Amino acid sequence: MAALTDALTALQGLSVAGITHHYGPGALPAVLTRAHLPALLIVPGEGGGQALFGPRAEGFSAAAFPGGARTWALTVRHVLVCAPAADGLGARTHWPGGIALLDAFFAALAAVPTLGGALREPARVTAEIGEVRIGDERFAGATLRHHWLLTY
């Protein structure tokens, strides 16, 4: 069973009103342009620097109990990209639209909280609204950190 692959595929396929493009780990564009926006991208976590969450939320941890379920917990970084940060007054200009897209995202996720059964329990998601970096570029948007429990 490919639990992580199934969960990532379900996340990439989540239908969110107002989002034009969804990109998974194998489909990230080399360069994001206005034609790609607004978009949701499943991207690797940031390397280096101070972690936003404690070590238990980074990567994954496995816990297997004799006779019990074999599970692993991990955090997946999902980025909402609304517009280039250089447009208008930067990220602040795009907050109203970004907030509407976040409302649409959470409404879509609420309809399938376990991503169609790919997750052992409903996803927990933390959101950080503001400027996001994709490569060397800055965008108005939000970083969504999905905290998942998978069964293998």
Protein backbone atom coordinates (compact mmCIF):
# COMPACT_ATOMS: atom_id res chain seq x y z
CA MET A 1 0.00 0.00 0.00
CA ALA A 2 1.33 3.44 -0.92
CA ALA A 3 -0.23 5.46 1.90
CA LEU A 4 1.79 8.63 1.38
CA THR A 5 1.42 8.55 -2.41
CA ASP A 6 -2.35 8.09 -2.04
CA ALA A 7 -2.65 10.96 0.44
CA LEU A 8 -0.54 13.33 -1.68
CA THR A 9 -2.55 12.43 -4.80
CA ALA A 10 -5.81 13.09 -2.92
CA LEU A 11 -4.49 16.44 -1.66
CA GLN A 12 -3.38 17.46 -5.14
CA GLY A 13 -6.81 16.52 -6.50
CA LEU A 14 -8.76 18.49 -3.87
CA SER A 15 -11.20 20.70 -5.76
CA VAL A 16 -11.05 24.23 -4.33
CA ALA A 17 -13.26 27.00 -5.71
CA GLY A 18 -11.13 29.79 -7.19
CA ILE A 19 -7.90 27.80 -7.44
CA THR A 20 -6.76 27.51 -11.03
CA HIS A 21 -3.88 25.04 -10.68
CA HIS A 22 -2.81 22.28 -8.29
CA TYR A 23 0.77 21.02 -8.37
CA GLY A 24 2.03 17.90 -6.64
CA PRO A 25 5.62 16.94 -5.86
CA GLY A 26 6.29 15.56 -9.35
CA ALA A 27 4.55 18.36 -11.23
CA LEU A 28 6.00 21.59 -9.84
CA PRO A 29 6.71 24.14 -12.58
CA ALA A 30 10.35 25.20 -12.93
CA VAL A 31 9.26 28.85 -12.69
CA LEU A 32 5.92 30.17 -11.43
CA THR A 33 4.36 32.86 -13.63
CA ARG A 34 1.10 34.81 -13.40
CA ALA A 35 -0.43 32.22 -15.75
CA HIS A 36 -0.02 29.61 -12.99
CA LEU A 37 -1.87 31.65 -10.34
CA PRO A 38 -3.73 31.23 -8.10
CA ALA A 39 -2.26 27.84 -7.30
CA LEU A 40 -1.76 25.28 -4.57
CA LEU A 41 1.64 23.58 -4.50
CA ILE A 42 2.79 20.61 -2.46
CA VAL A 43 6.43 21.45 -1.85
CA PRO A 44 9.32 20.15 0.24
CA GLY A 45 9.82 21.84 3.60
CA GLU A 46 12.21 24.69 4.04
CA GLY A 47 15.76 23.63 4.77
CA GLY A 48 17.85 25.27 7.45
CA GLY A 49 16.84 28.10 9.71
CA GLN A 50 14.59 27.90 12.74
CA ALA A 51 11.70 25.44 12.49
CA LEU A 52 8.24 26.88 12.97
CA PHE A 53 7.12 23.75 14.83
CA GLY A 54 8.97 21.54 17.28
CA PRO A 55 10.91 18.47 16.17
CA ARG A 56 7.91 16.17 16.61
CA ALA A 57 6.13 17.98 13.75
CA GLU A 58 9.06 17.71 11.35
CA GLY A 59 9.45 14.81 8.96
CA PHE A 60 7.71 11.75 10.29
CA SER A 61 7.69 9.56 13.33
CA ALA A 62 6.71 5.90 13.34
CA ALA A 63 4.94 4.08 16.13
CA ALA A 64 4.09 0.42 15.82
CA PHE A 65 2.51 -1.53 18.64
CA PRO A 66 2.31 -5.33 18.79
CA GLY A 67 -1.10 -6.29 17.46
CA GLY A 68 -2.03 -2.65 16.92
CA ALA A 69 -2.16 -0.33 13.97
CA ARG A 70 1.10 0.64 12.31
CA THR A 71 1.04 4.39 11.88
CA TRP A 72 3.32 7.23 11.02
CA ALA A 73 2.84 10.94 11.46
CA LEU A 74 4.24 13.56 9.14
CA THR A 75 3.89 17.18 8.15
CA VAL A 76 3.30 18.13 4.52
CA ARG A 77 3.94 21.69 3.32
CA HIS A 78 1.20 22.98 1.02
CA VAL A 79 1.53 26.51 -0.33
CA LEU A 80 -1.23 28.78 -1.60
CA VAL A 81 0.19 31.26 -4.09
CA CYS A 82 -2.10 34.16 -5.00
CA ALA A 83 0.01 36.78 -6.81
CA PRO A 84 3.57 38.07 -7.08
CA ALA A 85 4.42 40.00 -3.91
CA ALA A 86 5.76 42.86 -6.02
CA ASP A 87 2.26 43.61 -7.38
CA GLY A 88 0.56 46.63 -5.79
CA LEU A 89 1.55 47.08 -2.15
CA GLY A 90 2.92 43.57 -1.83
CA ALA A 91 1.23 40.78 0.09
CA ARG A 92 -1.13 43.21 1.87
CA THR A 93 -2.83 44.09 -1.42
CA HIS A 94 -3.80 40.48 -1.95
CA TRP A 95 -5.03 39.61 1.57
CA PRO A 96 -8.78 39.85 0.79
CA GLY A 97 -8.47 37.49 -2.19
CA GLY A 98 -6.12 35.20 -0.31
CA ILE A 99 -8.46 34.99 2.66
CA ALA A 100 -11.35 34.09 0.35
CA LEU A 101 -9.22 31.33 -1.20
CA LEU A 102 -8.30 30.02 2.25
CA ASP A 103 -11.98 29.92 3.20
CA ALA A 104 -12.65 27.94 0.00
CA PHE A 105 -9.73 25.60 0.75
CA PHE A 106 -10.89 24.81 4.28
CA ALA A 107 -14.49 24.33 3.07
CA ALA A 108 -13.22 21.82 0.48
CA LEU A 109 -11.07 20.01 3.06
CA ALA A 110 -13.97 19.91 5.55
CA ALA A 111 -15.97 17.96 2.96
CA VAL A 112 -13.25 15.23 2.83
CA PRO A 113 -11.31 15.54 6.12
CA THR A 114 -9.48 12.23 5.66
CA LEU A 115 -8.87 12.92 1.95
CA GLY A 116 -11.22 10.16 0.93
CA GLY A 117 -9.86 7.69 3.48
CA ALA A 118 -6.17 8.25 2.65
CA LEU A 119 -5.54 9.51 6.20
CA ARG A 120 -6.11 7.52 9.39
CA GLU A 121 -7.71 10.54 11.07
CA PRO A 122 -8.86 13.96 9.83
CA ALA A 123 -6.06 16.27 8.74
CA ARG A 124 -4.94 18.99 11.12
CA VAL A 125 -3.81 22.05 9.21
CA THR A 126 -2.04 25.17 10.45
CA ALA A 127 -1.95 28.22 8.22
CA GLU A 128 0.49 31.10 8.05
CA ILE A 129 -0.80 33.96 5.88
CA GLY A 130 1.55 36.44 4.24
CA GLU A 131 4.50 36.29 1.92
CA VAL A 132 5.72 32.92 0.66
CA ARG A 133 8.88 32.06 -1.24
CA ILE A 134 9.01 29.65 -4.12
CA GLY A 135 12.58 29.40 -5.31
CA ASP A 136 13.94 32.93 -5.48
CA GLU A 137 10.53 34.50 -6.04
CA ARG A 138 8.21 36.03 -3.43
CA PHE A 139 4.44 35.73 -3.58
CA ALA A 140 1.39 36.77 -1.60
CA GLY A 141 -0.27 33.68 -0.18
CA ALA A 142 -0.17 31.26 2.71
CA THR A 143 1.79 28.26 3.92
CA LEU A 144 -0.46 25.41 5.01
CA ARG A 145 1.16 22.71 7.11
CA HIS A 146 -0.84 19.48 7.06
CA HIS A 147 -0.25 17.21 10.05
CA TRP A 148 -1.22 13.70 9.00
CA LEU A 149 -1.43 10.27 10.55
CA LEU A 150 -1.09 7.46 8.00
CA THR A 151 -1.47 3.72 8.35
CA TYR A 152 0.85 1.29 6.61
